[in-house]
Amino acid sequence: MPKYLVYEIATVSYLVGEYDANTKEGAESMAIDDPQNDQPCLCHQCAGELELGEFYEFQTEEVT
């Protein structure tokens, strides 16, 4: 009988930063252009169990 590896695909969020902008799109553009932003990474323990996927979208919310 064959064996199978089964992966669960999950979504996580990573706080990029806080930006002063007139629109959500402007804040996202500033985040993209910010040289201080590094790629998200996992700690040693989590890296043993999880693998980071590709970035696919921003979720931007207004700070109140």
Protein backbone atom coordinates (compact mmCIF):
# COMPACT_ATOMS: atom_id res chain seq x y z
CA MET A 1 0.00 0.00 0.00
CA PRO A 2 1.51 3.42 -0.97
CA LYS A 3 2.19 6.12 1.60
CA TYR A 4 1.22 9.75 1.10
CA LEU A 5 2.42 13.04 2.51
CA VAL A 6 -0.52 15.33 3.19
CA TYR A 7 0.00 19.09 3.51
CA GLU A 8 -2.38 21.61 4.97
CA ILE A 9 -2.19 24.98 3.22
CA ALA A 10 -2.79 27.85 5.65
CA THR A 11 -2.75 31.62 5.41
CA VAL A 12 -0.85 33.83 7.84
CA SER A 13 -0.45 37.58 8.13
CA TYR A 14 2.71 39.61 8.62
CA LEU A 15 2.61 43.24 9.78
CA VAL A 16 4.67 45.20 7.27
CA GLY A 17 4.42 48.57 9.02
CA GLU A 18 2.36 51.68 9.62
CA TYR A 19 2.30 54.38 6.92
CA ASP A 20 0.72 57.84 6.69
CA ALA A 21 -1.06 58.01 3.33
CA ASN A 22 -4.22 59.47 1.77
CA THR A 23 -5.51 56.08 0.57
CA LYS A 24 -5.08 52.36 1.22
CA GLU A 25 -3.46 52.02 -2.17
CA GLY A 26 -1.01 54.80 -1.29
CA ALA A 27 -0.07 53.03 1.95
CA GLU A 28 0.43 49.76 0.08
CA SER A 29 2.64 51.52 -2.47
CA MET A 30 4.72 53.01 0.32
CA ALA A 31 5.09 49.57 1.90
CA ILE A 32 6.25 48.08 -1.40
CA ASP A 33 8.84 50.84 -1.89
CA ASP A 34 10.08 50.83 1.73
CA PRO A 35 13.68 49.54 1.78
CA GLN A 36 13.27 48.67 5.49
CA ASN A 37 10.82 45.88 4.66
CA ASP A 38 12.38 42.46 4.69
CA GLN A 39 10.74 39.27 3.60
CA PRO A 40 8.85 37.58 6.44
CA CYS A 41 10.73 34.75 8.05
CA LEU A 42 10.07 31.97 10.52
CA CYS A 43 11.82 31.26 13.80
CA HIS A 44 14.00 28.16 14.01
CA GLN A 45 11.32 26.04 15.66
CA CYS A 46 8.55 26.99 13.22
CA ALA A 47 10.85 26.63 10.21
CA GLY A 48 11.15 22.95 11.09
CA GLU A 49 7.41 22.50 10.58
CA LEU A 50 6.28 25.29 8.26
CA GLU A 51 7.32 26.61 4.87
CA LEU A 52 6.57 30.14 3.72
CA GLY A 53 4.70 30.45 0.46
CA GLU A 54 4.51 33.28 -2.02
CA PHE A 55 3.06 36.69 -1.22
CA TYR A 56 -0.28 37.19 -2.93
CA GLU A 57 -2.04 40.30 -1.58
CA PHE A 58 -2.04 43.16 0.91
CA GLN A 59 -4.73 43.57 3.52
CA THR A 60 -4.75 47.21 4.62
CA GLU A 61 -6.82 48.73 7.40
CA GLU A 62 -7.07 52.26 8.75
CA VAL A 63 -5.52 52.86 12.17
CA THR A 64 -8.00 54.42 14.58
